[in-house]
Amino acid sequence: MLLALTFVGSSAFAQLTREQVIAEWQRAQTYTKQYLDAMPEDGYTFKPTPEIRSFAQQMLHLTDANYYFASSASGIASPLGKVSAEKTVAQTKAATIKAVMDSYDFVITCIESMPVEQMQDMVGAEGQKATRALVLAKGFEHQTHHRGQTTIYLRLKGVTPPAEMLF
């Protein structure tokens, strides 16, 4: 059932107009910025347990994936090339915020550059073939997942996470 709901949700996202997809990514960018702003500077290197990513690493992993999915969907080369933000960007508040916001700007620019009629073209991503629109939907799902994981980081640092931002 969960798999079916995930597929339906992803398929529904893939059926949105290009303008709606852009608006959703803009909303996600704003929401993610609220999370980044909420975490105090000393929380950027915070790890709830030693085995998992720090708050900054979570957000920089999200950044790497934003570039990957947008580049895969659009065919526009990532400005990072083969460099990983998670492995190279300083885990400071300012550096992390800049890297994350730049990745959302790249996604939005890629979507804006794609003609509507190309959204249903098949492309490769993660060793699979999918429409450009579905690849963007998977990228959206990924960033939502990792932003959501950071909710517990904020709570453990005594910070109330930003309120849900559905619209």
C-alpha atoms as a PDB file:
ATOM      1  CA  MET A   1       0.000   0.000   0.000  1.00  0.00           C
ATOM      2  CA  LEU A   2       2.815   2.404   0.915  1.00  0.00           C
ATOM      3  CA  LEU A   3       4.544   1.653  -2.389  1.00  0.00           C
ATOM      4  CA  ALA A   4       1.296   2.333  -4.260  1.00  0.00           C
ATOM      5  CA  LEU A   5       0.801   5.650  -2.447  1.00  0.00           C
ATOM      6  CA  THR A   6       4.390   6.673  -3.180  1.00  0.00           C
ATOM      7  CA  PHE A   7       3.911   5.863  -6.874  1.00  0.00           C
ATOM      8  CA  VAL A   8       0.608   7.729  -7.040  1.00  0.00           C
ATOM      9  CA  GLY A   9       2.147  10.741  -5.286  1.00  0.00           C
ATOM     10  CA  SER A  10       5.150  10.746  -7.614  1.00  0.00           C
ATOM     11  CA  SER A  11       2.938  10.287 -10.663  1.00  0.00           C
ATOM     12  CA  ALA A  12       0.670  13.108  -9.546  1.00  0.00           C
ATOM     13  CA  PHE A  13       3.688  15.388  -9.123  1.00  0.00           C
ATOM     14  CA  ALA A  14       4.859  14.422 -12.600  1.00  0.00           C
ATOM     15  CA  GLN A  15       1.471  15.544 -14.015  1.00  0.00           C
ATOM     16  CA  LEU A  16       1.698  19.100 -12.676  1.00  0.00           C
ATOM     17  CA  THR A  17       2.285  21.944 -15.104  1.00  0.00           C
ATOM     18  CA  ARG A  18       5.818  23.264 -15.404  1.00  0.00           C
ATOM     19  CA  GLU A  19       4.746  26.449 -13.582  1.00  0.00           C
ATOM     20  CA  GLN A  20       3.324  24.383 -10.718  1.00  0.00           C
ATOM     21  CA  VAL A  21       6.522  22.328 -10.493  1.00  0.00           C
ATOM     22  CA  ILE A  22       8.574  25.537 -10.362  1.00  0.00           C
ATOM     23  CA  ALA A  23       6.285  26.914  -7.642  1.00  0.00           C
ATOM     24  CA  GLU A  24       6.685  23.705  -5.611  1.00  0.00           C
ATOM     25  CA  TRP A  25      10.491  23.908  -5.824  1.00  0.00           C
ATOM     26  CA  GLN A  26      10.366  27.582  -4.825  1.00  0.00           C
ATOM     27  CA  ARG A  27       8.223  26.669  -1.822  1.00  0.00           C
ATOM     28  CA  ALA A  28      10.638  23.872  -0.920  1.00  0.00           C
ATOM     29  CA  GLN A  29      13.543  26.315  -1.146  1.00  0.00           C
ATOM     30  CA  THR A  30      11.809  28.763   1.184  1.00  0.00           C
ATOM     31  CA  TYR A  31      10.908  25.987   3.625  1.00  0.00           C
ATOM     32  CA  THR A  32      14.426  24.554   3.617  1.00  0.00           C
ATOM     33  CA  LYS A  33      15.835  28.048   4.224  1.00  0.00           C
ATOM     34  CA  GLN A  34      13.636  28.283   7.325  1.00  0.00           C
ATOM     35  CA  TYR A  35      15.235  25.055   8.611  1.00  0.00           C
ATOM     36  CA  LEU A  36      18.720  26.362   7.841  1.00  0.00           C
ATOM     37  CA  ASP A  37      17.989  29.660   9.582  1.00  0.00           C
ATOM     38  CA  ALA A  38      16.483  27.922  12.611  1.00  0.00           C
ATOM     39  CA  MET A  39      19.595  25.872  13.376  1.00  0.00           C
ATOM     40  CA  PRO A  40      22.127  27.826  15.455  1.00  0.00           C
ATOM     41  CA  GLU A  41      25.679  28.044  14.106  1.00  0.00           C
ATOM     42  CA  ASP A  42      26.949  25.467  16.604  1.00  0.00           C
ATOM     43  CA  GLY A  43      24.317  22.986  15.414  1.00  0.00           C
ATOM     44  CA  TYR A  44      25.686  22.669  11.895  1.00  0.00           C
ATOM     45  CA  THR A  45      28.296  20.094  12.949  1.00  0.00           C
ATOM     46  CA  PHE A  46      25.876  18.392  15.348  1.00  0.00           C
ATOM     47  CA  LYS A  47      25.302  14.638  14.920  1.00  0.00           C
ATOM     48  CA  PRO A  48      22.589  12.937  16.995  1.00  0.00           C
ATOM     49  CA  THR A  49      24.788   9.819  16.961  1.00  0.00           C
ATOM     50  CA  PRO A  50      28.360   9.393  15.693  1.00  0.00           C
ATOM     51  CA  GLU A  51      27.282   7.082  12.851  1.00  0.00           C
ATOM     52  CA  ILE A  52      25.054   9.537  10.998  1.00  0.00           C
ATOM     53  CA  ARG A  53      25.503  12.757   9.083  1.00  0.00           C
ATOM     54  CA  SER A  54      25.745  16.102  10.813  1.00  0.00           C
ATOM     55  CA  PHE A  55      23.014  18.671  10.179  1.00  0.00           C
ATOM     56  CA  ALA A  56      25.232  20.393   7.589  1.00  0.00           C
ATOM     57  CA  GLN A  57      26.071  17.071   5.929  1.00  0.00           C
ATOM     58  CA  GLN A  58      22.355  16.236   5.638  1.00  0.00           C
ATOM     59  CA  MET A  59      21.692  19.575   3.963  1.00  0.00           C
ATOM     60  CA  LEU A  60      24.752  19.279   1.736  1.00  0.00           C
ATOM     61  CA  HIS A  61      23.722  15.755   0.743  1.00  0.00           C
ATOM     62  CA  LEU A  62      20.356  17.255  -0.234  1.00  0.00           C
ATOM     63  CA  THR A  63      22.350  19.830  -2.241  1.00  0.00           C
ATOM     64  CA  ASP A  64      24.302  17.175  -4.141  1.00  0.00           C
ATOM     65  CA  ALA A  65      21.079  15.362  -4.990  1.00  0.00           C
ATOM     66  CA  ASN A  66      19.346  18.558  -6.128  1.00  0.00           C
ATOM     67  CA  TYR A  67      22.150  19.085  -8.635  1.00  0.00           C
ATOM     68  CA  TYR A  68      22.090  15.438  -9.686  1.00  0.00           C
ATOM     69  CA  PHE A  69      18.344  15.174 -10.290  1.00  0.00           C
ATOM     70  CA  ALA A  70      18.062  18.563 -12.020  1.00  0.00           C
ATOM     71  CA  SER A  71      21.036  17.805 -14.239  1.00  0.00           C
ATOM     72  CA  SER A  72      19.683  14.327 -15.060  1.00  0.00           C
ATOM     73  CA  ALA A  73      16.258  15.731 -15.921  1.00  0.00           C
ATOM     74  CA  SER A  74      17.431  18.727 -17.925  1.00  0.00           C
ATOM     75  CA  GLY A  75      20.686  17.607 -19.471  1.00  0.00           C
ATOM     76  CA  ILE A  76      22.346  20.768 -18.105  1.00  0.00           C
ATOM     77  CA  ALA A  77      25.699  20.017 -16.514  1.00  0.00           C
ATOM     78  CA  SER A  78      25.906  20.575 -12.787  1.00  0.00           C
ATOM     79  CA  PRO A  79      28.142  23.520 -11.894  1.00  0.00           C
ATOM     80  CA  LEU A  80      29.675  21.248  -9.264  1.00  0.00           C
ATOM     81  CA  GLY A  81      30.869  18.800 -11.901  1.00  0.00           C
ATOM     82  CA  LYS A  82      31.924  15.657 -10.065  1.00  0.00           C
ATOM     83  CA  VAL A  83      32.597  17.544  -6.816  1.00  0.00           C
ATOM     84  CA  SER A  84      30.466  16.677  -3.788  1.00  0.00           C
ATOM     85  CA  ALA A  85      29.179  19.599  -1.723  1.00  0.00           C
ATOM     86  CA  GLU A  86      28.784  17.236   1.214  1.00  0.00           C
ATOM     87  CA  LYS A  87      32.487  16.436   1.119  1.00  0.00           C
ATOM     88  CA  THR A  88      33.894  19.868   0.199  1.00  0.00           C
ATOM     89  CA  VAL A  89      31.725  22.676   1.606  1.00  0.00           C
ATOM     90  CA  ALA A  90      32.651  23.917   5.076  1.00  0.00           C
ATOM     91  CA  GLN A  91      30.083  22.860   7.666  1.00  0.00           C
ATOM     92  CA  THR A  92      29.406  26.428   8.711  1.00  0.00           C
ATOM     93  CA  LYS A  93      26.013  28.057   8.680  1.00  0.00           C
ATOM     94  CA  ALA A  94      26.913  30.612   6.007  1.00  0.00           C
ATOM     95  CA  ALA A  95      28.658  28.163   3.664  1.00  0.00           C
ATOM     96  CA  THR A  96      25.931  25.545   4.001  1.00  0.00           C
ATOM     97  CA  ILE A  97      23.098  28.021   3.418  1.00  0.00           C
ATOM     98  CA  LYS A  98      24.807  29.383   0.307  1.00  0.00           C
ATOM     99  CA  ALA A  99      25.423  25.908  -1.131  1.00  0.00           C
ATOM    100  CA  VAL A 100      21.875  24.720  -0.445  1.00  0.00           C
ATOM    101  CA  MET A 101      20.222  27.848  -1.848  1.00  0.00           C
ATOM    102  CA  ASP A 102      22.438  27.721  -4.946  1.00  0.00           C
ATOM    103  CA  SER A 103      21.302  24.134  -5.554  1.00  0.00           C
ATOM    104  CA  TYR A 104      17.625  25.134  -5.431  1.00  0.00           C
ATOM    105  CA  ASP A 105      18.332  28.029  -7.805  1.00  0.00           C
ATOM    106  CA  PHE A 106      19.954  25.532 -10.196  1.00  0.00           C
ATOM    107  CA  VAL A 107      16.937  23.201 -10.048  1.00  0.00           C
ATOM    108  CA  ILE A 108      14.519  26.043 -10.731  1.00  0.00           C
ATOM    109  CA  THR A 109      16.654  27.375 -13.596  1.00  0.00           C
ATOM    110  CA  CYS A 110      16.821  23.887 -15.126  1.00  0.00           C
ATOM    111  CA  ILE A 111      13.040  23.491 -14.973  1.00  0.00           C
ATOM    112  CA  GLU A 112      12.501  26.957 -16.439  1.00  0.00           C
ATOM    113  CA  SER A 113      14.834  26.091 -19.323  1.00  0.00           C
ATOM    114  CA  MET A 114      12.983  22.896 -20.293  1.00  0.00           C
ATOM    115  CA  PRO A 115      10.300  23.292 -22.937  1.00  0.00           C
ATOM    116  CA  VAL A 116       6.981  21.913 -21.696  1.00  0.00           C
ATOM    117  CA  GLU A 117       6.874  19.333 -24.481  1.00  0.00           C
ATOM    118  CA  GLN A 118      10.165  17.841 -23.220  1.00  0.00           C
ATOM    119  CA  MET A 119       8.861  17.111 -19.705  1.00  0.00           C
ATOM    120  CA  GLN A 120       7.623  13.691 -20.842  1.00  0.00           C
ATOM    121  CA  ASP A 121      10.852  12.750 -22.646  1.00  0.00           C
ATOM    122  CA  MET A 122      12.629   9.711 -21.257  1.00  0.00           C
ATOM    123  CA  VAL A 123      16.031  10.197 -19.608  1.00  0.00           C
ATOM    124  CA  GLY A 124      18.322   8.093 -17.454  1.00  0.00           C
ATOM    125  CA  ALA A 125      18.746   8.521 -13.720  1.00  0.00           C
ATOM    126  CA  GLU A 126      19.924   6.096 -11.048  1.00  0.00           C
ATOM    127  CA  GLY A 127      20.321   3.442 -13.739  1.00  0.00           C
ATOM    128  CA  GLN A 128      16.636   3.717 -14.644  1.00  0.00           C
ATOM    129  CA  LYS A 129      14.688   5.314 -17.467  1.00  0.00           C
ATOM    130  CA  ALA A 130      12.029   7.812 -16.470  1.00  0.00           C
ATOM    131  CA  THR A 131      10.421  10.960 -17.809  1.00  0.00           C
ATOM    132  CA  ARG A 132      12.105  14.255 -17.060  1.00  0.00           C
ATOM    133  CA  ALA A 133       9.084  15.174 -14.945  1.00  0.00           C
ATOM    134  CA  LEU A 134       9.350  11.981 -12.893  1.00  0.00           C
ATOM    135  CA  VAL A 135      13.083  12.491 -12.323  1.00  0.00           C
ATOM    136  CA  LEU A 136      12.279  15.953 -10.968  1.00  0.00           C
ATOM    137  CA  ALA A 137       9.573  14.402  -8.770  1.00  0.00           C
ATOM    138  CA  LYS A 138      12.086  11.906  -7.368  1.00  0.00           C
ATOM    139  CA  GLY A 139      14.456  14.787  -6.658  1.00  0.00           C
ATOM    140  CA  PHE A 140      11.666  16.617  -4.863  1.00  0.00           C
ATOM    141  CA  GLU A 141      10.906  13.511  -2.804  1.00  0.00           C
ATOM    142  CA  HIS A 142      14.585  13.183  -1.905  1.00  0.00           C
ATOM    143  CA  GLN A 143      14.995  16.763  -0.680  1.00  0.00           C
ATOM    144  CA  THR A 144      11.785  16.492   1.330  1.00  0.00           C
ATOM    145  CA  HIS A 145      13.050  13.286   2.950  1.00  0.00           C
ATOM    146  CA  HIS A 146      16.367  14.781   4.058  1.00  0.00           C
ATOM    147  CA  ARG A 147      14.896  18.089   5.204  1.00  0.00           C
ATOM    148  CA  GLY A 148      12.416  16.057   7.259  1.00  0.00           C
ATOM    149  CA  GLN A 149      15.238  14.083   8.847  1.00  0.00           C
ATOM    150  CA  THR A 150      16.730  17.308  10.167  1.00  0.00           C
ATOM    151  CA  THR A 151      13.626  17.997  12.240  1.00  0.00           C
ATOM    152  CA  ILE A 152      15.021  15.747  14.975  1.00  0.00           C
ATOM    153  CA  TYR A 153      18.372  17.571  14.828  1.00  0.00           C
ATOM    154  CA  LEU A 154      16.596  20.855  15.557  1.00  0.00           C
ATOM    155  CA  ARG A 155      14.562  19.309  18.383  1.00  0.00           C
ATOM    156  CA  LEU A 156      17.672  17.788  19.969  1.00  0.00           C
ATOM    157  CA  LYS A 157      19.283  21.245  19.911  1.00  0.00           C
ATOM    158  CA  GLY A 158      16.217  22.710  21.658  1.00  0.00           C
ATOM    159  CA  VAL A 159      14.923  24.454  18.538  1.00  0.00           C
ATOM    160  CA  THR A 160      11.294  24.316  17.447  1.00  0.00           C
ATOM    161  CA  PRO A 161      11.235  23.342  13.752  1.00  0.00           C
ATOM    162  CA  PRO A 162       9.513  25.641  11.270  1.00  0.00           C
ATOM    163  CA  ALA A 163       5.762  25.100  10.884  1.00  0.00           C
ATOM    164  CA  GLU A 164       4.613  22.944   7.974  1.00  0.00           C
ATOM    165  CA  MET A 165       4.474  24.851   4.727  1.00  0.00           C
ATOM    166  CA  LEU A 166       2.098  22.975   2.426  1.00  0.00           C
ATOM    167  CA  PHE A 167       1.183  25.947   0.237  1.00  0.00           C
END
